[in-house]
Amino acid sequence: MKLHSYYANIKDSWILADLVHIPTFMIPFLLICYITGGNLKEYGFNLNEEKFFTHKRMVTVGVFFGILLSLRYILQIAWHTPLVIPHTVTVLNIVGNMTFQWIIVGISEETMFRGLIQTYLRTGSLLTTIIIHNTIFGTHLTIGYAIYWILGS
């Protein structure tokens, strides 16, 4: 079976990554809306923050990390080193990759793990939360957790 030419263009590009990460955001977000009955503040969505502060902070952090992550390619371009990029370099692919790395990944992962899983776990006992959290995320139970659990209960 011959693959269509459009498949060859998007095979390793940001489009497929977006198609995976957008449902990774939507499914937990809809679950959070269902669980809270629409009260998103219970799960850490801060809708009353001053917009200037939030927008200024997000732009600053986004530009900083965007430049930091782009240093690999900037240095290669400046020194005329050949780049290994799995798809064609076009303005659309550059903008698509930047929006994917800067926006889509962060929102989907924060909604899934910090928003849904960690907030839901915090509603139970602290010890159960620590054990389940460590099992899911592969971290070990440290003495700090144990002391916090003993003093907090």
Foldseek 3Di string as FASTA:
>chain_A
DDDDPVCLQPVPALVVVLVVLVVLQVVLVVVCCVVVVNPQVLQPDDPPPDVVVVVVVLVVVLVVVLVVVCPVVVVCVVVVHDDDDSHDDDPVRVVSVSCCVSPRVVNSVCSNPSRRPLSVLVVDQLVSSVVVVCVVVVHDDDVVSVVCNVVVD
